Amino acid sequence: MTSNDRLIIFARKAEKSQLKKKLVDDIGTEQALVVHHKLQLYTKEITRVLNCEKAVYYADQIDHNDLWDNMIYDKGLQQGDDRGSRMYDAFTRAFADGKQRVIIIGTDCIDLESHMIKEAFAVLESNDVVLGPARDGGYYLLGMKKFLPTLLTDKNWDSEDLLMDTILDLKQLNAKYYLLKTLNDINSADDLDRLAKFQERSEDWF
């Protein structure tokens, strides 16, 4: 990884309006806020050590006094009406800035580790796209070394077929792609139950 590589983290503020509805419905607002905050802390810890340009893109308002160190992370706003258009804008800006490999992640994957992000950048040397499959049928990571807009348009972002639809696009484009290990996003109480089974110190989440 180099300064020509950019890792973009899509982040939400720790406010009720920014929480995942399913998680709030399952465990309540207060506990959902705790989980949200700990996921952001975890994402910060696994990304701050990476030797690449790092940027946090906020859903609504930039916060220069939060847990994301201004000396380590550039900060910007997500632009667009849905997840696809926001990622479209982020990739467009990164490649316009001359970045050679660009990866976007969120802050809701506790299974993601630093070495997996390093792997994602590394495989972009010989692949056009890298995807991190999520167990819910979506993906927790998307990376490109050349911009392929088709991957981000005309998608149902809540569909269990999102990953497969994206792979079908890649096949139609004859693009070379690489799949990372399948991991679990935290979207519901069921996801937290799986976390409790497989993560040490899971009791610290509440």
N, C-alpha and C. Protein backbone atom coordinates (compact mmCIF):
# COMPACT_ATOMS: atom_id res chain seq x y z
N MET A 1 0.84 -1.20 0.00
CA MET A 1 0.00 0.00 0.00
C MET A 1 0.87 1.25 0.00
N THR A 2 0.40 2.27 -0.69
CA THR A 2 1.14 3.52 -0.80
C THR A 2 0.17 4.69 -0.70
N SER A 3 0.73 5.90 -0.84
CA SER A 3 -0.11 7.10 -0.82
C SER A 3 -0.99 7.18 -2.07
N ASN A 4 -0.71 6.33 -3.06
CA ASN A 4 -1.56 6.28 -4.24
C ASN A 4 -2.78 5.38 -4.04
N ASP A 5 -2.87 4.79 -2.87
CA ASP A 5 -4.03 3.96 -2.52
C ASP A 5 -4.90 4.72 -1.53
N ARG A 6 -6.20 4.63 -1.70
CA ARG A 6 -7.12 5.30 -0.77
C ARG A 6 -8.12 4.31 -0.19
N LEU A 7 -8.19 4.31 1.13
CA LEU A 7 -9.23 3.56 1.84
C LEU A 7 -10.28 4.56 2.29
N ILE A 8 -11.52 4.34 1.87
CA ILE A 8 -12.63 5.21 2.24
C ILE A 8 -13.53 4.47 3.21
N ILE A 9 -13.83 5.11 4.32
CA ILE A 9 -14.69 4.52 5.34
C ILE A 9 -16.00 5.31 5.37
N PHE A 10 -17.09 4.65 5.05
CA PHE A 10 -18.40 5.28 5.15
C PHE A 10 -18.88 5.17 6.59
N ALA A 11 -19.07 6.31 7.24
CA ALA A 11 -19.39 6.33 8.67
C ALA A 11 -20.68 7.11 8.93
N ARG A 12 -21.35 6.71 9.99
CA ARG A 12 -22.53 7.42 10.46
C ARG A 12 -22.28 7.93 11.87
N LYS A 13 -22.88 9.05 12.20
CA LYS A 13 -22.73 9.59 13.55
C LYS A 13 -23.54 8.76 14.53
N ALA A 14 -23.15 8.80 15.79
CA ALA A 14 -23.83 8.03 16.83
C ALA A 14 -25.10 8.75 17.26
N GLU A 15 -26.07 8.76 16.37
CA GLU A 15 -27.36 9.38 16.64
C GLU A 15 -28.47 8.41 16.25
N LYS A 16 -29.61 8.53 16.88
CA LYS A 16 -30.70 7.59 16.63
C LYS A 16 -31.06 7.53 15.16
N SER A 17 -31.07 8.67 14.50
CA SER A 17 -31.48 8.71 13.09
C SER A 17 -30.49 7.99 12.19
N GLN A 18 -29.27 7.76 12.68
CA GLN A 18 -28.23 7.13 11.87
C GLN A 18 -28.11 5.63 12.14
N LEU A 19 -28.88 5.11 13.11
CA LEU A 19 -28.77 3.71 13.48
C LEU A 19 -29.55 2.82 12.51
N LYS A 20 -29.15 1.55 12.46
CA LYS A 20 -29.85 0.60 11.63
C LYS A 20 -31.19 0.23 12.28
N LYS A 21 -32.25 0.39 11.52
CA LYS A 21 -33.60 0.20 12.07
C LYS A 21 -33.79 -1.20 12.64
N LYS A 22 -33.30 -2.22 11.94
CA LYS A 22 -33.48 -3.58 12.40
C LYS A 22 -32.82 -3.79 13.75
N LEU A 23 -31.63 -3.23 13.92
CA LEU A 23 -30.91 -3.38 15.19
C LEU A 23 -31.64 -2.65 16.31
N VAL A 24 -32.15 -1.46 16.03
CA VAL A 24 -32.92 -0.71 17.03
C VAL A 24 -34.18 -1.48 17.43
N ASP A 25 -34.86 -2.04 16.44
CA ASP A 25 -36.07 -2.80 16.73
C ASP A 25 -35.77 -4.03 17.60
N ASP A 26 -34.61 -4.63 17.39
CA ASP A 26 -34.25 -5.86 18.09
C ASP A 26 -33.77 -5.62 19.52
N ILE A 27 -32.94 -4.58 19.71
CA ILE A 27 -32.29 -4.43 21.02
C ILE A 27 -32.52 -3.08 21.68
N GLY A 28 -33.22 -2.17 21.02
CA GLY A 28 -33.49 -0.87 21.59
C GLY A 28 -32.45 0.16 21.21
N THR A 29 -32.83 1.42 21.33
CA THR A 29 -31.97 2.52 20.89
C THR A 29 -30.67 2.60 21.68
N GLU A 30 -30.74 2.52 23.00
CA GLU A 30 -29.54 2.71 23.82
C GLU A 30 -28.50 1.64 23.54
N GLN A 31 -28.93 0.38 23.47
CA GLN A 31 -27.96 -0.68 23.20
C GLN A 31 -27.46 -0.59 21.77
N ALA A 32 -28.32 -0.18 20.85
CA ALA A 32 -27.88 -0.02 19.46
C ALA A 32 -26.82 1.07 19.35
N LEU A 33 -26.95 2.13 20.13
CA LEU A 33 -25.94 3.19 20.15
C LEU A 33 -24.60 2.67 20.67
N VAL A 34 -24.65 1.81 21.69
CA VAL A 34 -23.43 1.21 22.23
C VAL A 34 -22.74 0.37 21.16
N VAL A 35 -23.52 -0.47 20.49
CA VAL A 35 -22.95 -1.32 19.44
C VAL A 35 -22.37 -0.45 18.32
N HIS A 36 -23.11 0.57 17.91
CA HIS A 36 -22.66 1.47 16.85
C HIS A 36 -21.32 2.10 17.21
N HIS A 37 -21.19 2.59 18.44
CA HIS A 37 -19.96 3.24 18.87
C HIS A 37 -18.79 2.25 18.91
N LYS A 38 -19.04 1.05 19.40
CA LYS A 38 -17.95 0.08 19.50
C LYS A 38 -17.51 -0.41 18.12
N LEU A 39 -18.45 -0.50 17.19
CA LEU A 39 -18.07 -0.87 15.84
C LEU A 39 -17.19 0.21 15.21
N GLN A 40 -17.51 1.48 15.47
CA GLN A 40 -16.67 2.56 14.94
C GLN A 40 -15.28 2.53 15.57
N LEU A 41 -15.22 2.31 16.87
CA LEU A 41 -13.92 2.21 17.54
C LEU A 41 -13.10 1.07 16.95
N TYR A 42 -13.75 -0.06 16.74
CA TYR A 42 -13.06 -1.22 16.19
C TYR A 42 -12.52 -0.91 14.79
N THR A 43 -13.36 -0.29 13.96
CA THR A 43 -12.95 0.03 12.59
C THR A 43 -11.78 1.01 12.60
N LYS A 44 -11.81 1.96 13.51
CA LYS A 44 -10.68 2.89 13.63
C LYS A 44 -9.39 2.13 13.96
N GLU A 45 -9.46 1.20 14.90
CA GLU A 45 -8.26 0.49 15.34
C GLU A 45 -7.66 -0.36 14.24
N ILE A 46 -8.48 -0.97 13.38
CA ILE A 46 -7.93 -1.84 12.34
C ILE A 46 -7.47 -1.05 11.12
N THR A 47 -7.87 0.22 11.01
CA THR A 47 -7.50 1.00 9.82
C THR A 47 -6.40 2.02 10.09
N ARG A 48 -6.28 2.50 11.30
CA ARG A 48 -5.34 3.59 11.58
C ARG A 48 -3.89 3.18 11.31
N VAL A 49 -3.59 1.88 11.38
CA VAL A 49 -2.22 1.40 11.21
C VAL A 49 -1.87 1.15 9.75
N LEU A 50 -2.84 1.24 8.86
CA LEU A 50 -2.59 0.91 7.45
C LEU A 50 -1.81 2.01 6.75
N ASN A 51 -0.87 1.59 5.90
CA ASN A 51 0.00 2.52 5.20
C ASN A 51 -0.62 2.91 3.86
N CYS A 52 -1.69 3.69 3.93
CA CYS A 52 -2.33 4.21 2.73
C CYS A 52 -3.05 5.49 3.12
N GLU A 53 -3.54 6.20 2.13
CA GLU A 53 -4.35 7.37 2.44
C GLU A 53 -5.71 6.89 2.96
N LYS A 54 -6.17 7.50 4.03
CA LYS A 54 -7.43 7.08 4.65
C LYS A 54 -8.38 8.28 4.75
N ALA A 55 -9.63 8.02 4.45
CA ALA A 55 -10.63 9.08 4.50
C ALA A 55 -11.92 8.54 5.11
N VAL A 56 -12.55 9.36 5.95
CA VAL A 56 -13.86 9.05 6.50
C VAL A 56 -14.88 9.93 5.80
N TYR A 57 -15.88 9.30 5.20
CA TYR A 57 -16.96 10.04 4.55
C TYR A 57 -18.22 9.90 5.41
N TYR A 58 -18.72 11.03 5.87
CA TYR A 58 -19.87 11.06 6.77
C TYR A 58 -21.17 11.08 5.98
N ALA A 59 -22.22 10.53 6.60
CA ALA A 59 -23.52 10.46 5.93
C ALA A 59 -24.19 11.82 5.84
N ASP A 60 -23.95 12.70 6.84
CA ASP A 60 -24.67 13.97 6.81
C ASP A 60 -23.79 15.18 7.12
N GLN A 61 -23.00 15.12 8.18
CA GLN A 61 -22.22 16.29 8.60
C GLN A 61 -20.84 15.87 9.07
N ILE A 62 -19.82 16.57 8.61
CA ILE A 62 -18.45 16.27 9.00
C ILE A 62 -18.23 16.67 10.45
N ASP A 63 -17.59 15.80 11.19
CA ASP A 63 -17.26 16.06 12.60
C ASP A 63 -15.75 16.02 12.76
N HIS A 64 -15.16 17.19 13.04
CA HIS A 64 -13.71 17.27 13.18
C HIS A 64 -13.25 17.01 14.61
N ASN A 65 -14.18 16.72 15.50
CA ASN A 65 -13.83 16.51 16.91
C ASN A 65 -14.35 15.17 17.42
N ASP A 66 -14.30 14.16 16.55
CA ASP A 66 -14.78 12.85 16.95
C ASP A 66 -13.62 11.88 17.11
N LEU A 67 -13.90 10.60 17.12
CA LEU A 67 -12.85 9.59 17.38
C LEU A 67 -11.90 9.42 16.20
N TRP A 68 -12.27 9.91 15.01
CA TRP A 68 -11.41 9.78 13.84
C TRP A 68 -10.38 10.91 13.84
N ASP A 69 -9.13 10.58 14.08
CA ASP A 69 -8.05 11.56 14.22
C ASP A 69 -7.85 12.34 12.92
N ASN A 70 -7.95 13.67 13.02
CA ASN A 70 -7.79 14.51 11.83
C ASN A 70 -6.40 14.41 11.21
N MET A 71 -5.41 13.97 11.99
CA MET A 71 -4.05 13.83 11.47
C MET A 71 -3.88 12.53 10.69
N ILE A 72 -4.81 11.62 10.83
CA ILE A 72 -4.71 10.31 10.17
C ILE A 72 -5.74 10.16 9.06
N TYR A 73 -6.92 10.72 9.29
CA TYR A 73 -8.03 10.54 8.35
C TYR A 73 -8.43 11.87 7.72
N ASP A 74 -8.47 11.90 6.38
CA ASP A 74 -9.14 13.00 5.71
C ASP A 74 -10.65 12.83 5.95
N LYS A 75 -11.39 13.92 5.82
CA LYS A 75 -12.81 13.85 6.10
C LYS A 75 -13.61 14.51 4.99
N GLY A 76 -14.72 13.86 4.64
CA GLY A 76 -15.57 14.38 3.59
C GLY A 76 -17.01 13.94 3.79
N LEU A 77 -17.87 14.36 2.89
CA LEU A 77 -19.29 14.02 2.95
C LEU A 77 -19.65 13.05 1.84
N GLN A 78 -20.51 12.10 2.16
CA GLN A 78 -21.08 11.25 1.14
C GLN A 78 -22.06 12.08 0.32
N GLN A 79 -22.02 11.87 -0.98
CA GLN A 79 -22.88 12.63 -1.88
C GLN A 79 -23.72 11.67 -2.71
N GLY A 80 -25.05 11.78 -2.60
CA GLY A 80 -25.92 10.92 -3.39
C GLY A 80 -27.17 10.53 -2.63
N ASP A 81 -28.12 9.96 -3.35
CA ASP A 81 -29.42 9.64 -2.78
C ASP A 81 -29.52 8.22 -2.23
N ASP A 82 -28.61 7.34 -2.63
CA ASP A 82 -28.61 5.98 -2.11
C ASP A 82 -27.17 5.50 -2.01
N ARG A 83 -27.01 4.28 -1.51
CA ARG A 83 -25.66 3.77 -1.27
C ARG A 83 -24.85 3.71 -2.57
N GLY A 84 -25.50 3.31 -3.65
CA GLY A 84 -24.79 3.21 -4.92
C GLY A 84 -24.28 4.54 -5.42
N SER A 85 -25.14 5.57 -5.38
CA SER A 85 -24.71 6.88 -5.86
C SER A 85 -23.65 7.49 -4.96
N ARG A 86 -23.71 7.18 -3.66
CA ARG A 86 -22.69 7.70 -2.74
C ARG A 86 -21.33 7.04 -2.99
N MET A 87 -21.34 5.74 -3.24
CA MET A 87 -20.09 5.07 -3.58
C MET A 87 -19.58 5.51 -4.94
N TYR A 88 -20.51 5.70 -5.87
CA TYR A 88 -20.15 6.19 -7.21
C TYR A 88 -19.37 7.50 -7.09
N ASP A 89 -19.90 8.42 -6.29
CA ASP A 89 -19.24 9.71 -6.10
C ASP A 89 -17.87 9.56 -5.43
N ALA A 90 -17.80 8.68 -4.42
CA ALA A 90 -16.53 8.51 -3.70
C ALA A 90 -15.45 7.92 -4.60
N PHE A 91 -15.81 6.91 -5.38
CA PHE A 91 -14.84 6.33 -6.32
C PHE A 91 -14.43 7.36 -7.37
N THR A 92 -15.40 8.10 -7.89
CA THR A 92 -15.11 9.10 -8.92
C THR A 92 -14.10 10.11 -8.40
N ARG A 93 -14.31 10.61 -7.19
CA ARG A 93 -13.40 11.61 -6.62
C ARG A 93 -12.00 11.03 -6.41
N ALA A 94 -11.95 9.80 -5.94
CA ALA A 94 -10.65 9.18 -5.65
C ALA A 94 -9.84 8.99 -6.93
N PHE A 95 -10.46 8.46 -7.97
CA PHE A 95 -9.72 8.26 -9.22
C PHE A 95 -9.39 9.60 -9.88
N ALA A 96 -10.25 10.60 -9.72
CA ALA A 96 -9.95 11.93 -10.24
C ALA A 96 -8.74 12.54 -9.54
N ASP A 97 -8.52 12.13 -8.29
CA ASP A 97 -7.36 12.59 -7.54
C ASP A 97 -6.09 11.81 -7.88
N GLY A 98 -6.20 10.87 -8.79
CA GLY A 98 -5.03 10.12 -9.23
C GLY A 98 -4.74 8.86 -8.44
N LYS A 99 -5.68 8.42 -7.61
CA LYS A 99 -5.46 7.21 -6.84
C LYS A 99 -5.49 5.99 -7.76
N GLN A 100 -4.63 5.02 -7.46
CA GLN A 100 -4.51 3.85 -8.32
C GLN A 100 -5.36 2.68 -7.84
N ARG A 101 -5.55 2.57 -6.54
CA ARG A 101 -6.40 1.51 -5.98
C ARG A 101 -7.26 2.15 -4.90
N VAL A 102 -8.56 1.89 -4.97
CA VAL A 102 -9.50 2.53 -4.06
C VAL A 102 -10.41 1.46 -3.46
N ILE A 103 -10.55 1.50 -2.15
CA ILE A 103 -11.39 0.54 -1.44
C ILE A 103 -12.35 1.30 -0.53
N ILE A 104 -13.61 0.83 -0.49
CA ILE A 104 -14.62 1.39 0.41
C ILE A 104 -15.09 0.32 1.37
N ILE A 105 -15.15 0.67 2.66
CA ILE A 105 -15.73 -0.21 3.67
C ILE A 105 -16.70 0.62 4.51
N GLY A 106 -17.51 -0.08 5.31
CA GLY A 106 -18.35 0.58 6.29
C GLY A 106 -17.76 0.39 7.68
N THR A 107 -18.60 0.51 8.70
CA THR A 107 -18.11 0.34 10.07
C THR A 107 -18.92 -0.72 10.81
N ASP A 108 -19.51 -1.64 10.07
CA ASP A 108 -20.41 -2.60 10.72
C ASP A 108 -19.95 -4.05 10.60
N CYS A 109 -18.65 -4.27 10.37
CA CYS A 109 -18.14 -5.63 10.22
C CYS A 109 -17.06 -5.90 11.26
N ILE A 110 -17.44 -6.54 12.35
CA ILE A 110 -16.51 -6.81 13.44
C ILE A 110 -15.51 -7.91 13.09
N ASP A 111 -15.81 -8.70 12.04
CA ASP A 111 -14.91 -9.78 11.63
C ASP A 111 -13.77 -9.28 10.75
N LEU A 112 -13.89 -8.08 10.22
CA LEU A 112 -12.87 -7.54 9.34
C LEU A 112 -11.61 -7.23 10.13
N GLU A 113 -10.44 -7.54 9.55
CA GLU A 113 -9.17 -7.30 10.22
C GLU A 113 -8.22 -6.56 9.29
N SER A 114 -7.19 -5.97 9.87
CA SER A 114 -6.25 -5.16 9.09
C SER A 114 -5.64 -5.94 7.95
N HIS A 115 -5.25 -7.19 8.21
CA HIS A 115 -4.56 -7.97 7.18
C HIS A 115 -5.48 -8.27 6.00
N MET A 116 -6.79 -8.29 6.23
CA MET A 116 -7.73 -8.52 5.14
C MET A 116 -7.80 -7.31 4.22
N ILE A 117 -7.73 -6.12 4.79
CA ILE A 117 -7.71 -4.91 3.97
C ILE A 117 -6.40 -4.84 3.18
N LYS A 118 -5.30 -5.23 3.81
CA LYS A 118 -4.02 -5.30 3.09
C LYS A 118 -4.11 -6.28 1.94
N GLU A 119 -4.74 -7.42 2.20
CA GLU A 119 -4.92 -8.42 1.14
C GLU A 119 -5.74 -7.83 0.00
N ALA A 120 -6.78 -7.08 0.33
CA ALA A 120 -7.64 -6.49 -0.70
C ALA A 120 -6.85 -5.55 -1.60
N PHE A 121 -6.00 -4.71 -1.01
CA PHE A 121 -5.17 -3.84 -1.84
C PHE A 121 -4.20 -4.66 -2.68
N ALA A 122 -3.63 -5.69 -2.09
CA ALA A 122 -2.63 -6.50 -2.81
C ALA A 122 -3.22 -7.19 -4.02
N VAL A 123 -4.43 -7.75 -3.88
CA VAL A 123 -4.99 -8.50 -5.01
C VAL A 123 -5.44 -7.57 -6.14
N LEU A 124 -5.58 -6.27 -5.84
CA LEU A 124 -5.91 -5.33 -6.91
C LEU A 124 -4.74 -5.10 -7.86
N GLU A 125 -3.58 -5.60 -7.51
CA GLU A 125 -2.45 -5.56 -8.45
C GLU A 125 -2.77 -6.38 -9.70
N SER A 126 -3.49 -7.47 -9.52
CA SER A 126 -3.74 -8.38 -10.64
C SER A 126 -5.23 -8.59 -10.92
N ASN A 127 -6.08 -7.81 -10.25
CA ASN A 127 -7.53 -7.90 -10.47
C ASN A 127 -8.11 -6.50 -10.64
N ASP A 128 -9.21 -6.42 -11.38
CA ASP A 128 -9.87 -5.13 -11.55
C ASP A 128 -10.68 -4.73 -10.32
N VAL A 129 -11.24 -5.75 -9.64
CA VAL A 129 -12.17 -5.51 -8.53
C VAL A 129 -11.92 -6.53 -7.44
N VAL A 130 -12.10 -6.10 -6.20
CA VAL A 130 -12.09 -7.02 -5.07
C VAL A 130 -13.38 -6.81 -4.28
N LEU A 131 -13.98 -7.91 -3.85
CA LEU A 131 -15.22 -7.87 -3.08
C LEU A 131 -15.07 -8.67 -1.80
N GLY A 132 -15.64 -8.13 -0.72
CA GLY A 132 -15.70 -8.86 0.54
C GLY A 132 -17.14 -9.31 0.77
N PRO A 133 -17.46 -10.56 0.50
CA PRO A 133 -18.84 -11.04 0.63
C PRO A 133 -19.31 -11.02 2.08
N ALA A 134 -20.54 -10.59 2.28
CA ALA A 134 -21.17 -10.64 3.60
C ALA A 134 -22.17 -11.79 3.62
N ARG A 135 -22.39 -12.35 4.79
CA ARG A 135 -23.27 -13.52 4.90
C ARG A 135 -24.73 -13.19 4.58
N ASP A 136 -25.09 -11.91 4.59
CA ASP A 136 -26.47 -11.54 4.28
C ASP A 136 -26.72 -11.39 2.78
N GLY A 137 -25.71 -11.69 1.96
CA GLY A 137 -25.87 -11.61 0.52
C GLY A 137 -25.36 -10.33 -0.11
N GLY A 138 -24.90 -9.40 0.72
CA GLY A 138 -24.29 -8.18 0.21
C GLY A 138 -22.78 -8.27 0.26
N TYR A 139 -22.12 -7.14 0.49
CA TYR A 139 -20.67 -7.16 0.65
C TYR A 139 -20.26 -6.08 1.65
N TYR A 140 -19.16 -6.37 2.38
CA TYR A 140 -18.65 -5.44 3.39
C TYR A 140 -17.50 -4.61 2.86
N LEU A 141 -16.99 -4.93 1.67
CA LEU A 141 -15.85 -4.22 1.09
C LEU A 141 -15.97 -4.27 -0.43
N LEU A 142 -15.68 -3.15 -1.06
CA LEU A 142 -15.60 -3.07 -2.51
C LEU A 142 -14.37 -2.26 -2.88
N GLY A 143 -13.53 -2.83 -3.73
CA GLY A 143 -12.34 -2.13 -4.18
C GLY A 143 -12.18 -2.23 -5.68
N MET A 144 -11.60 -1.19 -6.27
CA MET A 144 -11.37 -1.17 -7.73
C MET A 144 -10.01 -0.54 -8.03
N LYS A 145 -9.43 -0.98 -9.15
CA LYS A 145 -8.25 -0.27 -9.64
C LYS A 145 -8.57 0.50 -10.92
N LYS A 146 -9.78 0.28 -11.43
CA LYS A 146 -10.32 1.14 -12.49
C LYS A 146 -11.81 1.24 -12.23
N PHE A 147 -12.36 2.39 -12.54
CA PHE A 147 -13.75 2.66 -12.17
C PHE A 147 -14.70 1.92 -13.11
N LEU A 148 -15.58 1.11 -12.51
CA LEU A 148 -16.61 0.38 -13.25
C LEU A 148 -17.97 0.82 -12.73
N PRO A 149 -18.55 1.87 -13.29
CA PRO A 149 -19.81 2.45 -12.78
C PRO A 149 -20.97 1.47 -12.74
N THR A 150 -20.98 0.50 -13.65
CA THR A 150 -22.09 -0.47 -13.73
C THR A 150 -22.32 -1.18 -12.40
N LEU A 151 -21.26 -1.37 -11.64
CA LEU A 151 -21.38 -2.10 -10.37
C LEU A 151 -22.22 -1.34 -9.35
N LEU A 152 -22.40 -0.05 -9.56
CA LEU A 152 -23.03 0.80 -8.56
C LEU A 152 -24.37 1.37 -9.01
N THR A 153 -24.87 0.91 -10.13
CA THR A 153 -26.14 1.43 -10.65
C THR A 153 -27.16 0.30 -10.78
N ASP A 154 -28.44 0.70 -10.66
CA ASP A 154 -29.56 -0.24 -10.83
C ASP A 154 -29.45 -1.45 -9.92
N LYS A 155 -29.20 -1.19 -8.63
CA LYS A 155 -29.08 -2.27 -7.65
C LYS A 155 -30.11 -2.07 -6.53
N ASN A 156 -30.60 -3.19 -6.02
CA ASN A 156 -31.39 -3.18 -4.78
C ASN A 156 -30.41 -3.40 -3.65
N TRP A 157 -30.11 -2.34 -2.91
CA TRP A 157 -29.02 -2.40 -1.93
C TRP A 157 -29.38 -3.18 -0.68
N ASP A 158 -30.62 -3.54 -0.54
CA ASP A 158 -31.05 -4.36 0.60
C ASP A 158 -31.34 -5.81 0.20
N SER A 159 -31.03 -6.13 -1.04
CA SER A 159 -31.34 -7.46 -1.55
C SER A 159 -30.33 -8.51 -1.09
N GLU A 160 -30.80 -9.73 -0.87
CA GLU A 160 -29.91 -10.84 -0.56
C GLU A 160 -29.12 -11.27 -1.80
N ASP A 161 -29.47 -10.73 -2.95
CA ASP A 161 -28.80 -11.08 -4.20
C ASP A 161 -27.81 -10.00 -4.66
N LEU A 162 -27.53 -9.02 -3.79
CA LEU A 162 -26.66 -7.92 -4.21
C LEU A 162 -25.29 -8.41 -4.68
N LEU A 163 -24.67 -9.27 -3.90
CA LEU A 163 -23.34 -9.77 -4.29
C LEU A 163 -23.41 -10.50 -5.62
N MET A 164 -24.39 -11.38 -5.78
CA MET A 164 -24.51 -12.14 -7.02
C MET A 164 -24.79 -11.23 -8.20
N ASP A 165 -25.64 -10.21 -8.00
CA ASP A 165 -25.91 -9.27 -9.09
C ASP A 165 -24.64 -8.53 -9.50
N THR A 166 -23.82 -8.20 -8.53
CA THR A 166 -22.55 -7.51 -8.81
C THR A 166 -21.59 -8.41 -9.55
N ILE A 167 -21.54 -9.68 -9.16
CA ILE A 167 -20.67 -10.63 -9.84
C ILE A 167 -21.13 -10.85 -11.29
N LEU A 168 -22.44 -10.89 -11.50
CA LEU A 168 -22.96 -11.02 -12.87
C LEU A 168 -22.54 -9.83 -13.72
N ASP A 169 -22.56 -8.63 -13.13
CA ASP A 169 -22.08 -7.45 -13.85
C ASP A 169 -20.61 -7.61 -14.23
N LEU A 170 -19.82 -8.10 -13.29
CA LEU A 170 -18.39 -8.27 -13.54
C LEU A 170 -18.15 -9.27 -14.68
N LYS A 171 -18.92 -10.33 -14.69
CA LYS A 171 -18.78 -11.32 -15.76
C LYS A 171 -19.15 -10.72 -17.11
N GLN A 172 -20.21 -9.93 -17.16
CA GLN A 172 -20.62 -9.30 -18.41
C GLN A 172 -19.57 -8.30 -18.90
N LEU A 173 -18.87 -7.69 -17.95
CA LEU A 173 -17.82 -6.73 -18.30
C LEU A 173 -16.49 -7.40 -18.60
N ASN A 174 -16.43 -8.72 -18.41
CA ASN A 174 -15.17 -9.47 -18.54
C ASN A 174 -14.09 -8.90 -17.62
N ALA A 175 -14.53 -8.45 -16.46
CA ALA A 175 -13.60 -7.88 -15.49
C ALA A 175 -13.07 -8.99 -14.58
N LYS A 176 -11.83 -8.89 -14.24
CA LYS A 176 -11.21 -9.87 -13.35
C LYS A 176 -11.46 -9.45 -11.90
N TYR A 177 -11.95 -10.37 -11.08
CA TYR A 177 -12.30 -10.01 -9.71
C TYR A 177 -11.82 -11.07 -8.73
N TYR A 178 -11.77 -10.67 -7.47
CA TYR A 178 -11.29 -11.55 -6.40
C TYR A 178 -12.25 -11.43 -5.22
N LEU A 179 -12.61 -12.57 -4.63
CA LEU A 179 -13.49 -12.59 -3.48
C LEU A 179 -12.69 -12.87 -2.21
N LEU A 180 -12.83 -11.99 -1.25
CA LEU A 180 -12.22 -12.21 0.06
C LEU A 180 -13.06 -13.22 0.85
N LYS A 181 -12.66 -13.46 2.07
CA LYS A 181 -13.39 -14.35 2.96
C LYS A 181 -14.77 -13.77 3.27
N THR A 182 -15.77 -14.64 3.33
CA THR A 182 -17.12 -14.22 3.69
C THR A 182 -17.19 -13.91 5.19
N LEU A 183 -17.70 -12.72 5.51
CA LEU A 183 -17.77 -12.27 6.90
C LEU A 183 -19.19 -11.86 7.26
N ASN A 184 -19.39 -11.54 8.52
CA ASN A 184 -20.71 -11.22 9.04
C ASN A 184 -20.82 -9.74 9.39
N ASP A 185 -21.77 -9.05 8.77
CA ASP A 185 -22.09 -7.67 9.16
C ASP A 185 -22.98 -7.69 10.40
N ILE A 186 -22.98 -6.59 11.15
CA ILE A 186 -23.85 -6.47 12.31
C ILE A 186 -25.06 -5.61 11.93
N ASN A 187 -26.17 -6.30 11.68
CA ASN A 187 -27.39 -5.60 11.29
C ASN A 187 -28.56 -5.89 12.21
N SER A 188 -28.45 -6.93 13.05
CA SER A 188 -29.59 -7.37 13.84
C SER A 188 -29.12 -8.08 15.10
N ALA A 189 -30.07 -8.43 15.96
CA ALA A 189 -29.76 -9.19 17.17
C ALA A 189 -29.20 -10.57 16.82
N ASP A 190 -29.68 -11.16 15.73
CA ASP A 190 -29.16 -12.45 15.30
C ASP A 190 -27.66 -12.36 15.00
N ASP A 191 -27.25 -11.26 14.38
CA ASP A 191 -25.82 -11.08 14.10
C ASP A 191 -25.02 -10.97 15.40
N LEU A 192 -25.58 -10.30 16.38
CA LEU A 192 -24.92 -10.20 17.68
C LEU A 192 -24.84 -11.55 18.38
N ASP A 193 -25.85 -12.39 18.20
CA ASP A 193 -25.82 -13.74 18.75
C ASP A 193 -24.67 -14.53 18.15
N ARG A 194 -24.47 -14.40 16.84
CA ARG A 194 -23.36 -15.10 16.20
C ARG A 194 -22.03 -14.55 16.71
N LEU A 195 -22.00 -13.25 16.94
CA LEU A 195 -20.80 -12.63 17.51
C LEU A 195 -20.50 -13.22 18.88
N ALA A 196 -21.51 -13.41 19.68
CA ALA A 196 -21.34 -13.96 21.02
C ALA A 196 -20.78 -15.38 20.97
N LYS A 197 -21.13 -16.11 19.92
CA LYS A 197 -20.66 -17.49 19.81
C LYS A 197 -19.20 -17.57 19.37
N PHE A 198 -18.76 -16.61 18.56
CA PHE A 198 -17.45 -16.75 17.94
C PHE A 198 -16.41 -15.72 18.38
N GLN A 199 -16.84 -14.66 19.04
CA GLN A 199 -15.89 -13.63 19.46
C GLN A 199 -15.58 -13.76 20.94
N GLU A 200 -14.32 -13.63 21.29
CA GLU A 200 -13.96 -13.58 22.70
C GLU A 200 -14.43 -12.25 23.29
N ARG A 201 -14.70 -12.26 24.61
CA ARG A 201 -15.09 -11.05 25.32
C ARG A 201 -16.36 -10.44 24.72
N SER A 202 -17.25 -11.29 24.21
CA SER A 202 -18.47 -10.77 23.59
C SER A 202 -19.36 -10.04 24.59
N GLU A 203 -19.21 -10.37 25.88
CA GLU A 203 -20.05 -9.70 26.89
C GLU A 203 -19.77 -8.21 26.96
N ASP A 204 -18.61 -7.78 26.47
CA ASP A 204 -18.26 -6.37 26.51
C ASP A 204 -19.11 -5.53 25.55
N TRP A 205 -19.91 -6.19 24.71
CA TRP A 205 -20.71 -5.44 23.76
C TRP A 205 -21.94 -4.82 24.38
N PHE A 206 -22.27 -5.21 25.62
CA PHE A 206 -23.44 -4.62 26.28
C PHE A 206 -23.09 -4.24 27.70
